[in-house]
PDB file of N, CA and C in Angstrom:
ATOM      1  N   UNK A   1       0.842  -1.174   0.000  1.00  0.00           N
ATOM      2  CA  UNK A   1       0.000   0.000   0.000  1.00  0.00           C
ATOM      3  C   UNK A   1       0.891   1.243   0.000  1.00  0.00           C
ATOM      4  N   UNK A   2       0.502   2.280  -0.749  1.00  0.00           N
ATOM      5  CA  UNK A   2       1.294   3.506  -0.830  1.00  0.00           C
ATOM      6  C   UNK A   2       0.468   4.681  -0.338  1.00  0.00           C
ATOM      7  N   UNK A   3       1.115   5.857  -0.295  1.00  0.00           N
ATOM      8  CA  UNK A   3       0.397   7.065   0.113  1.00  0.00           C
ATOM      9  C   UNK A   3      -0.665   7.463  -0.904  1.00  0.00           C
ATOM     10  N   UNK A   4      -0.617   6.899  -2.115  1.00  0.00           N
ATOM     11  CA  UNK A   4      -1.579   7.231  -3.162  1.00  0.00           C
ATOM     12  C   UNK A   4      -2.698   6.200  -3.287  1.00  0.00           C
ATOM     13  N   UNK A   5      -2.661   5.141  -2.502  1.00  0.00           N
ATOM     14  CA  UNK A   5      -3.680   4.095  -2.584  1.00  0.00           C
ATOM     15  C   UNK A   5      -5.057   4.671  -2.299  1.00  0.00           C
ATOM     16  N   UNK A   6      -6.036   4.233  -3.052  1.00  0.00           N
ATOM     17  CA  UNK A   6      -7.421   4.617  -2.801  1.00  0.00           C
ATOM     18  C   UNK A   6      -7.880   5.825  -3.590  1.00  0.00           C
ATOM     19  N   UNK A   7      -6.966   6.624  -4.127  1.00  0.00           N
ATOM     20  CA  UNK A   7      -7.361   7.832  -4.850  1.00  0.00           C
ATOM     21  C   UNK A   7      -8.133   7.487  -6.123  1.00  0.00           C
ATOM     22  N   UNK A   8      -7.734   6.408  -6.814  1.00  0.00           N
ATOM     23  CA  UNK A   8      -8.454   5.998  -8.018  1.00  0.00           C
ATOM     24  C   UNK A   8      -9.860   5.550  -7.697  1.00  0.00           C
ATOM     25  N   UNK A   9     -10.021   4.856  -6.585  1.00  0.00           N
ATOM     26  CA  UNK A   9     -11.348   4.404  -6.162  1.00  0.00           C
ATOM     27  C   UNK A   9     -12.220   5.610  -5.831  1.00  0.00           C
ATOM     28  N   UNK A  10     -11.665   6.586  -5.131  1.00  0.00           N
ATOM     29  CA  UNK A  10     -12.428   7.779  -4.769  1.00  0.00           C
ATOM     30  C   UNK A  10     -12.848   8.555  -6.013  1.00  0.00           C
ATOM     31  N   UNK A  11     -11.948   8.687  -6.987  1.00  0.00           N
ATOM     32  CA  UNK A  11     -12.278   9.401  -8.218  1.00  0.00           C
ATOM     33  C   UNK A  11     -13.327   8.637  -9.006  1.00  0.00           C
ATOM     34  N   UNK A  12     -13.253   7.307  -8.997  1.00  0.00           N
ATOM     35  CA  UNK A  12     -14.256   6.492  -9.677  1.00  0.00           C
ATOM     36  C   UNK A  12     -15.644   6.734  -9.081  1.00  0.00           C
ATOM     37  N   UNK A  13     -15.718   6.841  -7.766  1.00  0.00           N
ATOM     38  CA  UNK A  13     -17.003   7.126  -7.095  1.00  0.00           C
ATOM     39  C   UNK A  13     -17.504   8.502  -7.511  1.00  0.00           C
ATOM     40  N   UNK A  14     -16.610   9.486  -7.555  1.00  0.00           N
ATOM     41  CA  UNK A  14     -17.000  10.840  -7.959  1.00  0.00           C
ATOM     42  C   UNK A  14     -17.523  10.848  -9.392  1.00  0.00           C
ATOM     43  N   UNK A  15     -16.822  10.178 -10.297  1.00  0.00           N
ATOM     44  CA  UNK A  15     -17.243  10.114 -11.706  1.00  0.00           C
ATOM     45  C   UNK A  15     -18.614   9.467 -11.820  1.00  0.00           C
ATOM     46  N   UNK A  16     -18.828   8.358 -11.121  1.00  0.00           N
ATOM     47  CA  UNK A  16     -20.127   7.669 -11.185  1.00  0.00           C
ATOM     48  C   UNK A  16     -21.254   8.560 -10.662  1.00  0.00           C
ATOM     49  N   UNK A  17     -20.997   9.313  -9.578  1.00  0.00           N
ATOM     50  CA  UNK A  17     -22.024  10.207  -9.032  1.00  0.00           C
ATOM     51  C   UNK A  17     -22.341  11.359  -9.983  1.00  0.00           C
ATOM     52  N   UNK A  18     -21.320  11.921 -10.615  1.00  0.00           N
ATOM     53  CA  UNK A  18     -21.540  13.000 -11.591  1.00  0.00           C
ATOM     54  C   UNK A  18     -22.318  12.472 -12.789  1.00  0.00           C
ATOM     55  N   UNK A  19     -21.952  11.295 -13.287  1.00  0.00           N
ATOM     56  CA  UNK A  19     -22.657  10.702 -14.413  1.00  0.00           C
ATOM     57  C   UNK A  19     -24.088  10.332 -14.039  1.00  0.00           C
ATOM     58  N   UNK A  20     -24.324   9.935 -12.794  1.00  0.00           N
ATOM     59  CA  UNK A  20     -25.658   9.572 -12.319  1.00  0.00           C
ATOM     60  C   UNK A  20     -26.623  10.747 -12.434  1.00  0.00           C
ATOM     61  N   UNK A  21     -26.121  11.966 -12.222  1.00  0.00           N
ATOM     62  CA  UNK A  21     -27.008  13.139 -12.313  1.00  0.00           C
ATOM     63  C   UNK A  21     -26.980  13.754 -13.706  1.00  0.00           C
ATOM     64  N   UNK A  22     -26.375  13.033 -14.667  1.00  0.00           N
ATOM     65  CA  UNK A  22     -26.388  13.481 -16.060  1.00  0.00           C
ATOM     66  C   UNK A  22     -25.227  14.383 -16.432  1.00  0.00           C
ATOM     67  N   UNK A  23     -24.198  14.400 -15.638  1.00  0.00           N
ATOM     68  CA  UNK A  23     -23.047  15.247 -15.926  1.00  0.00           C
ATOM     69  C   UNK A  23     -21.875  14.448 -16.432  1.00  0.00           C
ATOM     70  N   UNK A  24     -20.780  15.158 -16.608  1.00  0.00           N
ATOM     71  CA  UNK A  24     -19.543  14.506 -17.035  1.00  0.00           C
ATOM     72  C   UNK A  24     -18.367  15.180 -16.337  1.00  0.00           C
ATOM     73  N   UNK A  25     -17.256  14.478 -16.333  1.00  0.00           N
ATOM     74  CA  UNK A  25     -16.053  14.994 -15.705  1.00  0.00           C
ATOM     75  C   UNK A  25     -14.878  14.696 -16.615  1.00  0.00           C
ATOM     76  N   UNK A  26     -13.995  15.674 -16.769  1.00  0.00           N
ATOM     77  CA  UNK A  26     -12.777  15.429 -17.539  1.00  0.00           C
ATOM     78  C   UNK A  26     -11.585  15.917 -16.720  1.00  0.00           C
ATOM     79  N   UNK A  27     -10.485  15.224 -16.891  1.00  0.00           N
ATOM     80  CA  UNK A  27      -9.284  15.536 -16.123  1.00  0.00           C
ATOM     81  C   UNK A  27      -8.124  15.703 -17.087  1.00  0.00           C
ATOM     82  N   UNK A  28      -7.429  16.832 -16.958  1.00  0.00           N
ATOM     83  CA  UNK A  28      -6.227  17.074 -17.746  1.00  0.00           C
ATOM     84  C   UNK A  28      -5.099  17.336 -16.767  1.00  0.00           C
ATOM     85  N   UNK A  29      -4.006  16.638 -16.959  1.00  0.00           N
ATOM     86  CA  UNK A  29      -2.887  16.762 -16.039  1.00  0.00           C
ATOM     87  C   UNK A  29      -1.612  17.005 -16.821  1.00  0.00           C
ATOM     88  N   UNK A  30      -0.807  17.928 -16.316  1.00  0.00           N
ATOM     89  CA  UNK A  30       0.469  18.216 -16.946  1.00  0.00           C
ATOM     90  C   UNK A  30       1.539  18.211 -15.862  1.00  0.00           C
ATOM     91  N   UNK A  31       2.541  17.390 -16.067  1.00  0.00           N
ATOM     92  CA  UNK A  31       3.610  17.251 -15.083  1.00  0.00           C
ATOM     93  C   UNK A  31       4.244  18.608 -14.787  1.00  0.00           C
ATOM     94  N   UNK A  32       4.476  18.858 -13.525  1.00  0.00           N
ATOM     95  CA  UNK A  32       5.089  20.090 -13.016  1.00  0.00           C
ATOM     96  C   UNK A  32       4.186  21.312 -13.111  1.00  0.00           C
ATOM     97  N   UNK A  33       2.977  21.181 -13.664  1.00  0.00           N
ATOM     98  CA  UNK A  33       2.052  22.314 -13.766  1.00  0.00           C
ATOM     99  C   UNK A  33       0.824  22.099 -12.896  1.00  0.00           C
ATOM    100  N   UNK A  34       0.299  20.881 -12.880  1.00  0.00           N
ATOM    101  CA  UNK A  34      -0.877  20.603 -12.074  1.00  0.00           C
ATOM    102  C   UNK A  34      -1.943  19.856 -12.844  1.00  0.00           C
ATOM    103  N   UNK A  35      -3.105  19.777 -12.226  1.00  0.00           N
ATOM    104  CA  UNK A  35      -4.227  19.040 -12.785  1.00  0.00           C
ATOM    105  C   UNK A  35      -5.448  19.935 -12.847  1.00  0.00           C
ATOM    106  N   UNK A  36      -6.166  19.869 -13.951  1.00  0.00           N
ATOM    107  CA  UNK A  36      -7.401  20.625 -14.123  1.00  0.00           C
ATOM    108  C   UNK A  36      -8.546  19.633 -14.200  1.00  0.00           C
ATOM    109  N   UNK A  37      -9.526  19.791 -13.320  1.00  0.00           N
ATOM    110  CA  UNK A  37     -10.700  18.935 -13.311  1.00  0.00           C
ATOM    111  C   UNK A  37     -11.881  19.786 -13.764  1.00  0.00           C
ATOM    112  N   UNK A  38     -12.573  19.345 -14.809  1.00  0.00           N
ATOM    113  CA  UNK A  38     -13.720  20.073 -15.335  1.00  0.00           C
ATOM    114  C   UNK A  38     -14.975  19.236 -15.127  1.00  0.00           C
ATOM    115  N   UNK A  39     -15.937  19.821 -14.411  1.00  0.00           N
ATOM    116  CA  UNK A  39     -17.228  19.164 -14.196  1.00  0.00           C
ATOM    117  C   UNK A  39     -18.257  19.837 -15.077  1.00  0.00           C
ATOM    118  N   UNK A  40     -19.037  19.058 -15.789  1.00  0.00           N
ATOM    119  CA  UNK A  40     -20.141  19.593 -16.577  1.00  0.00           C
ATOM    120  C   UNK A  40     -21.419  18.985 -16.023  1.00  0.00           C
ATOM    121  N   UNK A  41     -22.313  19.863 -15.569  1.00  0.00           N
ATOM    122  CA  UNK A  41     -23.594  19.401 -15.032  1.00  0.00           C
ATOM    123  C   UNK A  41     -24.711  20.260 -15.611  1.00  0.00           C
ATOM    124  N   UNK A  42     -25.911  19.777 -15.480  1.00  0.00           N
ATOM    125  CA  UNK A  42     -27.077  20.489 -15.971  1.00  0.00           C
ATOM    126  C   UNK A  42     -27.151  21.869 -15.322  1.00  0.00           C
ATOM    127  N   UNK A  43     -27.562  22.863 -16.086  1.00  0.00           N
ATOM    128  CA  UNK A  43     -27.658  24.226 -15.565  1.00  0.00           C
ATOM    129  C   UNK A  43     -28.560  24.299 -14.338  1.00  0.00           C
ATOM    130  N   UNK A  44     -29.631  23.519 -14.315  1.00  0.00           N
ATOM    131  CA  UNK A  44     -30.533  23.563 -13.161  1.00  0.00           C
ATOM    132  C   UNK A  44     -29.841  23.057 -11.900  1.00  0.00           C
ATOM    133  N   UNK A  45     -28.876  22.163 -12.057  1.00  0.00           N
ATOM    134  CA  UNK A  45     -28.122  21.682 -10.905  1.00  0.00           C
ATOM    135  C   UNK A  45     -27.008  22.645 -10.525  1.00  0.00           C
ATOM    136  N   UNK A  46     -26.589  23.475 -11.472  1.00  0.00           N
ATOM    137  CA  UNK A  46     -25.475  24.385 -11.226  1.00  0.00           C
ATOM    138  C   UNK A  46     -25.904  25.656 -10.518  1.00  0.00           C
ATOM    139  N   UNK A  47     -27.194  25.915 -10.454  1.00  0.00           N
ATOM    140  CA  UNK A  47     -27.672  27.147  -9.825  1.00  0.00           C
ATOM    141  C   UNK A  47     -27.766  26.933  -8.324  1.00  0.00           C
ATOM    142  N   UNK A  48     -26.889  27.619  -7.597  1.00  0.00           N
ATOM    143  CA  UNK A  48     -26.894  27.555  -6.139  1.00  0.00           C
ATOM    144  C   UNK A  48     -26.712  28.960  -5.602  1.00  0.00           C
ATOM    145  N   UNK A  49     -27.201  29.184  -4.395  1.00  0.00           N
ATOM    146  CA  UNK A  49     -26.924  30.441  -3.724  1.00  0.00           C
ATOM    147  C   UNK A  49     -25.495  30.394  -3.237  1.00  0.00           C
ATOM    148  N   UNK A  50     -24.766  31.449  -3.477  1.00  0.00           N
ATOM    149  CA  UNK A  50     -23.384  31.458  -3.037  1.00  0.00           C
ATOM    150  C   UNK A  50     -22.852  32.851  -2.829  1.00  0.00           C
ATOM    151  N   UNK A  51     -21.737  32.911  -2.141  1.00  0.00           N
ATOM    152  CA  UNK A  51     -21.027  34.165  -1.946  1.00  0.00           C
ATOM    153  C   UNK A  51     -19.843  34.160  -2.901  1.00  0.00           C
ATOM    154  N   UNK A  52     -19.762  35.179  -3.747  1.00  0.00           N
ATOM    155  CA  UNK A  52     -18.653  35.292  -4.673  1.00  0.00           C
ATOM    156  C   UNK A  52     -17.504  36.042  -4.007  1.00  0.00           C
ATOM    157  N   UNK A  53     -16.317  35.481  -4.132  1.00  0.00           N
ATOM    158  CA  UNK A  53     -15.108  36.088  -3.599  1.00  0.00           C
ATOM    159  C   UNK A  53     -14.194  36.395  -4.761  1.00  0.00           C
ATOM    160  N   UNK A  54     -13.609  37.558  -4.754  1.00  0.00           N
ATOM    161  CA  UNK A  54     -12.710  37.931  -5.836  1.00  0.00           C
ATOM    162  C   UNK A  54     -11.309  38.112  -5.274  1.00  0.00           C
ATOM    163  N   UNK A  55     -10.358  37.423  -5.888  1.00  0.00           N
ATOM    164  CA  UNK A  55      -8.948  37.564  -5.556  1.00  0.00           C
ATOM    165  C   UNK A  55      -8.263  37.965  -6.853  1.00  0.00           C
ATOM    166  N   UNK A  56      -7.863  39.220  -6.904  1.00  0.00           N
ATOM    167  CA  UNK A  56      -7.326  39.822  -8.114  1.00  0.00           C
ATOM    168  C   UNK A  56      -8.336  39.654  -9.241  1.00  0.00           C
ATOM    169  N   UNK A  57      -8.031  38.868 -10.273  1.00  0.00           N
ATOM    170  CA  UNK A  57      -8.983  38.693 -11.379  1.00  0.00           C
ATOM    171  C   UNK A  57      -9.731  37.371 -11.298  1.00  0.00           C
ATOM    172  N   UNK A  58      -9.476  36.590 -10.252  1.00  0.00           N
ATOM    173  CA  UNK A  58     -10.122  35.282 -10.093  1.00  0.00           C
ATOM    174  C   UNK A  58     -11.361  35.431  -9.206  1.00  0.00           C
ATOM    175  N   UNK A  59     -12.435  34.745  -9.568  1.00  0.00           N
ATOM    176  CA  UNK A  59     -13.648  34.750  -8.770  1.00  0.00           C
ATOM    177  C   UNK A  59     -13.934  33.333  -8.295  1.00  0.00           C
ATOM    178  N   UNK A  60     -14.255  33.202  -7.024  1.00  0.00           N
ATOM    179  CA  UNK A  60     -14.577  31.914  -6.414  1.00  0.00           C
ATOM    180  C   UNK A  60     -15.948  32.041  -5.772  1.00  0.00           C
ATOM    181  N   UNK A  61     -16.703  30.951  -5.766  1.00  0.00           N
ATOM    182  CA  UNK A  61     -18.031  30.950  -5.158  1.00  0.00           C
ATOM    183  C   UNK A  61     -18.081  29.899  -4.068  1.00  0.00           C
ATOM    184  N   UNK A  62     -18.528  30.328  -2.890  1.00  0.00           N
ATOM    185  CA  UNK A  62     -18.727  29.403  -1.774  1.00  0.00           C
ATOM    186  C   UNK A  62     -20.234  29.275  -1.580  1.00  0.00           C
ATOM    187  N   UNK A  63     -20.776  28.052  -1.590  1.00  0.00           N
ATOM    188  CA  UNK A  63     -22.222  27.885  -1.367  1.00  0.00           C
ATOM    189  C   UNK A  63     -22.617  28.470  -0.006  1.00  0.00           C
ATOM    190  N   UNK A  64     -23.687  29.254   0.004  1.00  0.00           N
ATOM    191  CA  UNK A  64     -24.093  29.888   1.264  1.00  0.00           C
ATOM    192  C   UNK A  64     -24.465  28.855   2.318  1.00  0.00           C
ATOM    193  N   UNK A  65     -24.885  27.683   1.901  1.00  0.00           N
ATOM    194  CA  UNK A  65     -25.243  26.641   2.866  1.00  0.00           C
ATOM    195  C   UNK A  65     -24.022  26.187   3.672  1.00  0.00           C
ATOM    196  N   UNK A  66     -22.811  26.405   3.113  1.00  0.00           N
ATOM    197  CA  UNK A  66     -21.582  26.012   3.803  1.00  0.00           C
ATOM    198  C   UNK A  66     -21.015  27.113   4.699  1.00  0.00           C
ATOM    199  N   UNK A  67     -21.532  28.330   4.557  1.00  0.00           N
ATOM    200  CA  UNK A  67     -20.993  29.461   5.306  1.00  0.00           C
ATOM    201  C   UNK A  67     -21.658  29.556   6.671  1.00  0.00           C
ATOM    202  N   UNK A  68     -20.839  29.471   7.715  1.00  0.00           N
ATOM    203  CA  UNK A  68     -21.356  29.638   9.071  1.00  0.00           C
ATOM    204  C   UNK A  68     -21.436  31.118   9.425  1.00  0.00           C
ATOM    205  N   UNK A  69     -20.397  31.877   9.056  1.00  0.00           N
ATOM    206  CA  UNK A  69     -20.404  33.321   9.267  1.00  0.00           C
ATOM    207  C   UNK A  69     -19.266  33.954   8.494  1.00  0.00           C
ATOM    208  N   UNK A  70     -19.377  35.250   8.278  1.00  0.00           N
ATOM    209  CA  UNK A  70     -18.306  36.018   7.649  1.00  0.00           C
ATOM    210  C   UNK A  70     -18.171  37.327   8.409  1.00  0.00           C
ATOM    211  N   UNK A  71     -16.945  37.814   8.517  1.00  0.00           N
ATOM    212  CA  UNK A  71     -16.701  39.010   9.322  1.00  0.00           C
ATOM    213  C   UNK A  71     -15.321  39.573   9.013  1.00  0.00           C
ATOM    214  N   UNK A  72     -15.103  40.792   9.433  1.00  0.00           N
ATOM    215  CA  UNK A  72     -13.772  41.404   9.385  1.00  0.00           C
ATOM    216  C   UNK A  72     -13.075  41.039  10.689  1.00  0.00           C
ATOM    217  N   UNK A  73     -11.788  40.822  10.618  1.00  0.00           N
ATOM    218  CA  UNK A  73     -11.066  40.359  11.798  1.00  0.00           C
ATOM    219  C   UNK A  73     -10.385  41.498  12.544  1.00  0.00           C
ATOM    220  N   UNK A  74     -10.065  41.209  13.795  1.00  0.00           N
ATOM    221  CA  UNK A  74      -9.163  42.037  14.577  1.00  0.00           C
ATOM    222  C   UNK A  74      -7.808  41.344  14.524  1.00  0.00           C
ATOM    223  N   UNK A  75      -6.768  42.077  14.225  1.00  0.00           N
ATOM    224  CA  UNK A  75      -5.432  41.468  14.103  1.00  0.00           C
ATOM    225  C   UNK A  75      -5.036  40.684  15.344  1.00  0.00           C
ATOM    226  N   UNK A  76      -5.471  41.152  16.518  1.00  0.00           N
ATOM    227  CA  UNK A  76      -5.072  40.479  17.760  1.00  0.00           C
ATOM    228  C   UNK A  76      -5.740  39.112  17.933  1.00  0.00           C
ATOM    229  N   UNK A  77      -6.750  38.803  17.109  1.00  0.00           N
ATOM    230  CA  UNK A  77      -7.394  37.491  17.182  1.00  0.00           C
ATOM    231  C   UNK A  77      -6.648  36.428  16.368  1.00  0.00           C
ATOM    232  N   UNK A  78      -5.676  36.845  15.565  1.00  0.00           N
ATOM    233  CA  UNK A  78      -4.896  35.915  14.745  1.00  0.00           C
ATOM    234  C   UNK A  78      -3.643  35.514  15.515  1.00  0.00           C
ATOM    235  N   UNK A  79      -3.433  34.212  15.609  1.00  0.00           N
ATOM    236  CA  UNK A  79      -2.251  33.692  16.286  1.00  0.00           C
ATOM    237  C   UNK A  79      -1.511  32.767  15.319  1.00  0.00           C
ATOM    238  N   UNK A  80      -0.244  32.568  15.591  1.00  0.00           N
ATOM    239  CA  UNK A  80       0.561  31.662  14.784  1.00  0.00           C
ATOM    240  C   UNK A  80       1.093  30.564  15.695  1.00  0.00           C
ATOM    241  N   UNK A  81       0.856  29.301  15.308  1.00  0.00           N
ATOM    242  CA  UNK A  81       1.329  28.189  16.139  1.00  0.00           C
ATOM    243  C   UNK A  81       2.834  27.982  15.914  1.00  0.00           C
ATOM    244  N   UNK A  82       3.455  27.117  16.695  1.00  0.00           N
ATOM    245  CA  UNK A  82       4.903  26.906  16.573  1.00  0.00           C
ATOM    246  C   UNK A  82       5.358  26.433  15.186  1.00  0.00           C
ATOM    247  N   UNK A  83       4.446  25.830  14.403  1.00  0.00           N
ATOM    248  CA  UNK A  83       4.791  25.363  13.055  1.00  0.00           C
ATOM    249  C   UNK A  83       4.582  26.441  11.993  1.00  0.00           C
ATOM    250  N   UNK A  84       4.163  27.646  12.418  1.00  0.00           N
ATOM    251  CA  UNK A  84       3.957  28.747  11.476  1.00  0.00           C
ATOM    252  C   UNK A  84       2.571  28.805  10.875  1.00  0.00           C
ATOM    253  N   UNK A  85       1.638  27.965  11.344  1.00  0.00           N
ATOM    254  CA  UNK A  85       0.264  27.961  10.836  1.00  0.00           C
ATOM    255  C   UNK A  85      -0.540  29.069  11.506  1.00  0.00           C
ATOM    256  N   UNK A  86      -1.289  29.814  10.693  1.00  0.00           N
ATOM    257  CA  UNK A  86      -2.133  30.876  11.246  1.00  0.00           C
ATOM    258  C   UNK A  86      -3.443  30.280  11.750  1.00  0.00           C
ATOM    259  N   UNK A  87      -3.880  30.797  12.873  1.00  0.00           N
ATOM    260  CA  UNK A  87      -5.153  30.386  13.470  1.00  0.00           C
ATOM    261  C   UNK A  87      -5.889  31.654  13.875  1.00  0.00           C
ATOM    262  N   UNK A  88      -7.215  31.564  13.952  1.00  0.00           N
ATOM    263  CA  UNK A  88      -7.998  32.696  14.419  1.00  0.00           C
ATOM    264  C   UNK A  88      -8.895  32.239  15.550  1.00  0.00           C
ATOM    265  N   UNK A  89      -8.984  33.067  16.558  1.00  0.00           N
ATOM    266  CA  UNK A  89      -9.808  32.784  17.731  1.00  0.00           C
ATOM    267  C   UNK A  89     -11.147  33.484  17.558  1.00  0.00           C
ATOM    268  N   UNK A  90     -12.221  32.688  17.483  1.00  0.00           N
ATOM    269  CA  UNK A  90     -13.574  33.228  17.320  1.00  0.00           C
ATOM    270  C   UNK A  90     -14.437  32.689  18.455  1.00  0.00           C
ATOM    271  N   UNK A  91     -14.861  33.583  19.341  1.00  0.00           N
ATOM    272  CA  UNK A  91     -15.700  33.221  20.492  1.00  0.00           C
ATOM    273  C   UNK A  91     -15.157  32.000  21.246  1.00  0.00           C
ATOM    274  N   UNK A  92     -13.860  32.019  21.499  1.00  0.00           N
ATOM    275  CA  UNK A  92     -13.243  30.964  22.287  1.00  0.00           C
ATOM    276  C   UNK A  92     -12.855  29.711  21.517  1.00  0.00           C
ATOM    277  N   UNK A  93     -13.157  29.645  20.222  1.00  0.00           N
ATOM    278  CA  UNK A  93     -12.771  28.487  19.400  1.00  0.00           C
ATOM    279  C   UNK A  93     -11.692  28.903  18.420  1.00  0.00           C
ATOM    280  N   UNK A  94     -10.773  28.004  18.184  1.00  0.00           N
ATOM    281  CA  UNK A  94      -9.651  28.275  17.291  1.00  0.00           C
ATOM    282  C   UNK A  94      -9.899  27.600  15.941  1.00  0.00           C
ATOM    283  N   UNK A  95      -9.727  28.372  14.856  1.00  0.00           N
ATOM    284  CA  UNK A  95      -9.920  27.849  13.506  1.00  0.00           C
ATOM    285  C   UNK A  95      -8.651  28.085  12.691  1.00  0.00           C
ATOM    286  N   UNK A  96      -8.305  27.153  11.791  1.00  0.00           N
ATOM    287  CA  UNK A  96      -7.153  27.389  10.914  1.00  0.00           C
ATOM    288  C   UNK A  96      -7.502  28.451   9.872  1.00  0.00           C
ATOM    289  N   UNK A  97      -6.514  29.225   9.474  1.00  0.00           N
ATOM    290  CA  UNK A  97      -6.695  30.249   8.449  1.00  0.00           C
ATOM    291  C   UNK A  97      -6.119  29.714   7.138  1.00  0.00           C
ATOM    292  N   UNK A  98      -6.947  29.709   6.104  1.00  0.00           N
ATOM    293  CA  UNK A  98      -6.508  29.343   4.758  1.00  0.00           C
ATOM    294  C   UNK A  98      -6.649  30.588   3.897  1.00  0.00           C
ATOM    295  N   UNK A  99      -5.559  31.046   3.354  1.00  0.00           N
ATOM    296  CA  UNK A  99      -5.580  32.225   2.497  1.00  0.00           C
ATOM    297  C   UNK A  99      -5.825  31.757   1.063  1.00  0.00           C
ATOM    298  N   UNK A 100      -6.926  32.197   0.486  1.00  0.00           N
ATOM    299  CA  UNK A 100      -7.309  31.742  -0.851  1.00  0.00           C
ATOM    300  C   UNK A 100      -6.206  32.037  -1.865  1.00  0.00           C
ATOM    301  N   UNK A 101      -5.602  33.217  -1.773  1.00  0.00           N
ATOM    302  CA  UNK A 101      -4.572  33.553  -2.772  1.00  0.00           C
ATOM    303  C   UNK A 101      -3.374  32.613  -2.680  1.00  0.00           C
ATOM    304  N   UNK A 102      -3.053  32.126  -1.488  1.00  0.00           N
ATOM    305  CA  UNK A 102      -1.950  31.169  -1.358  1.00  0.00           C
ATOM    306  C   UNK A 102      -2.378  29.779  -1.816  1.00  0.00           C
ATOM    307  N   UNK A 103      -3.584  29.371  -1.425  1.00  0.00           N
ATOM    308  CA  UNK A 103      -4.071  28.039  -1.759  1.00  0.00           C
ATOM    309  C   UNK A 103      -4.145  27.843  -3.278  1.00  0.00           C
ATOM    310  N   UNK A 104      -4.656  28.861  -3.989  1.00  0.00           N
ATOM    311  CA  UNK A 104      -4.800  28.764  -5.444  1.00  0.00           C
ATOM    312  C   UNK A 104      -3.650  29.430  -6.198  1.00  0.00           C
ATOM    313  N   UNK A 105      -2.631  29.867  -5.452  1.00  0.00           N
ATOM    314  CA  UNK A 105      -1.444  30.488  -6.041  1.00  0.00           C
ATOM    315  C   UNK A 105      -1.790  31.655  -6.962  1.00  0.00           C
ATOM    316  N   UNK A 106      -2.586  32.589  -6.429  1.00  0.00           N
ATOM    317  CA  UNK A 106      -2.971  33.793  -7.153  1.00  0.00           C
ATOM    318  C   UNK A 106      -2.156  34.951  -6.588  1.00  0.00           C
ATOM    319  N   UNK A 107      -1.422  35.630  -7.444  1.00  0.00           N
ATOM    320  CA  UNK A 107      -0.627  36.772  -6.993  1.00  0.00           C
ATOM    321  C   UNK A 107      -1.557  37.949  -6.710  1.00  0.00           C
ATOM    322  N   UNK A 108      -1.385  38.553  -5.531  1.00  0.00           N
ATOM    323  CA  UNK A 108      -2.200  39.700  -5.150  1.00  0.00           C
ATOM    324  C   UNK A 108      -1.377  40.636  -4.292  1.00  0.00           C
ATOM    325  N   UNK A 109      -1.738  41.903  -4.318  1.00  0.00           N
ATOM    326  CA  UNK A 109      -1.055  42.888  -3.488  1.00  0.00           C
ATOM    327  C   UNK A 109      -1.661  42.952  -2.090  1.00  0.00           C
ATOM    328  N   UNK A 110      -2.874  42.452  -1.927  1.00  0.00           N
ATOM    329  CA  UNK A 110      -3.554  42.494  -0.633  1.00  0.00           C
ATOM    330  C   UNK A 110      -3.307  41.172   0.088  1.00  0.00           C
ATOM    331  N   UNK A 111      -2.500  41.220   1.142  1.00  0.00           N
ATOM    332  CA  UNK A 111      -2.200  40.011   1.909  1.00  0.00           C
ATOM    333  C   UNK A 111      -2.492  40.197   3.395  1.00  0.00           C
ATOM    334  N   UNK A 112      -2.841  41.411   3.799  1.00  0.00           N
ATOM    335  CA  UNK A 112      -3.163  41.693   5.198  1.00  0.00           C
ATOM    336  C   UNK A 112      -4.565  41.161   5.500  1.00  0.00           C
ATOM    337  N   UNK A 113      -4.670  40.252   6.462  1.00  0.00           N
ATOM    338  CA  UNK A 113      -5.972  39.656   6.804  1.00  0.00           C
ATOM    339  C   UNK A 113      -7.004  40.706   7.180  1.00  0.00           C
ATOM    340  N   UNK A 114      -6.572  41.794   7.794  1.00  0.00           N
ATOM    341  CA  UNK A 114      -7.508  42.827   8.226  1.00  0.00           C
ATOM    342  C   UNK A 114      -8.134  43.575   7.034  1.00  0.00           C
ATOM    343  N   UNK A 115      -7.546  43.459   5.861  1.00  0.00           N
ATOM    344  CA  UNK A 115      -8.103  44.097   4.670  1.00  0.00           C
ATOM    345  C   UNK A 115      -9.101  43.206   3.940  1.00  0.00           C
ATOM    346  N   UNK A 116      -9.179  41.950   4.340  1.00  0.00           N
ATOM    347  CA  UNK A 116     -10.089  41.016   3.672  1.00  0.00           C
ATOM    348  C   UNK A 116     -11.253  40.633   4.562  1.00  0.00           C
ATOM    349  N   UNK A 117     -11.908  39.566   4.189  1.00  0.00           N
ATOM    350  CA  UNK A 117     -13.048  39.047   4.945  1.00  0.00           C
ATOM    351  C   UNK A 117     -12.718  37.625   5.373  1.00  0.00           C
ATOM    352  N   UNK A 118     -12.971  37.333   6.628  1.00  0.00           N
ATOM    353  CA  UNK A 118     -12.796  35.976   7.157  1.00  0.00           C
ATOM    354  C   UNK A 118     -14.136  35.278   6.996  1.00  0.00           C
ATOM    355  N   UNK A 119     -14.102  34.067   6.454  1.00  0.00           N
ATOM    356  CA  UNK A 119     -15.321  33.284   6.267  1.00  0.00           C
ATOM    357  C   UNK A 119     -15.121  31.942   6.965  1.00  0.00           C
ATOM    358  N   UNK A 120     -16.007  31.622   7.894  1.00  0.00           N
ATOM    359  CA  UNK A 120     -15.978  30.322   8.587  1.00  0.00           C
ATOM    360  C   UNK A 120     -16.923  29.422   7.814  1.00  0.00           C
ATOM    361  N   UNK A 121     -16.377  28.308   7.293  1.00  0.00           N
ATOM    362  CA  UNK A 121     -17.204  27.383   6.507  1.00  0.00           C
ATOM    363  C   UNK A 121     -17.200  26.005   7.155  1.00  0.00           C
ATOM    364  N   UNK A 122     -18.244  25.242   6.846  1.00  0.00           N
ATOM    365  CA  UNK A 122     -18.308  23.873   7.337  1.00  0.00           C
ATOM    366  C   UNK A 122     -18.140  22.921   6.181  1.00  0.00           C
TER     367      UNK A 122
END
């Protein structure tokens, strides 16, 4: 067994579920560049309520059903653990901070958390 075991089975389940609802999935992969996954589904299934987020010229949509809350942060609520991971303290609970521009490798001039919006998702 390797660290990659099971990924093909998981993707097979995803493909079968997409095809079950009448959609399709295509995967294009280029070594050293990454992988692009394209899902095609019926327009009626694609219409969801969501919050659009813009990072430079990229737009991302988070389904509103997944959003617990959104707010502007206080810098003093952000902490960094010994491994360098950012966390935010919200009403006594600690949550990891994922910066969309870093996750999707989008270059932006705005990197200060206090200039953006924090979104807690489930």
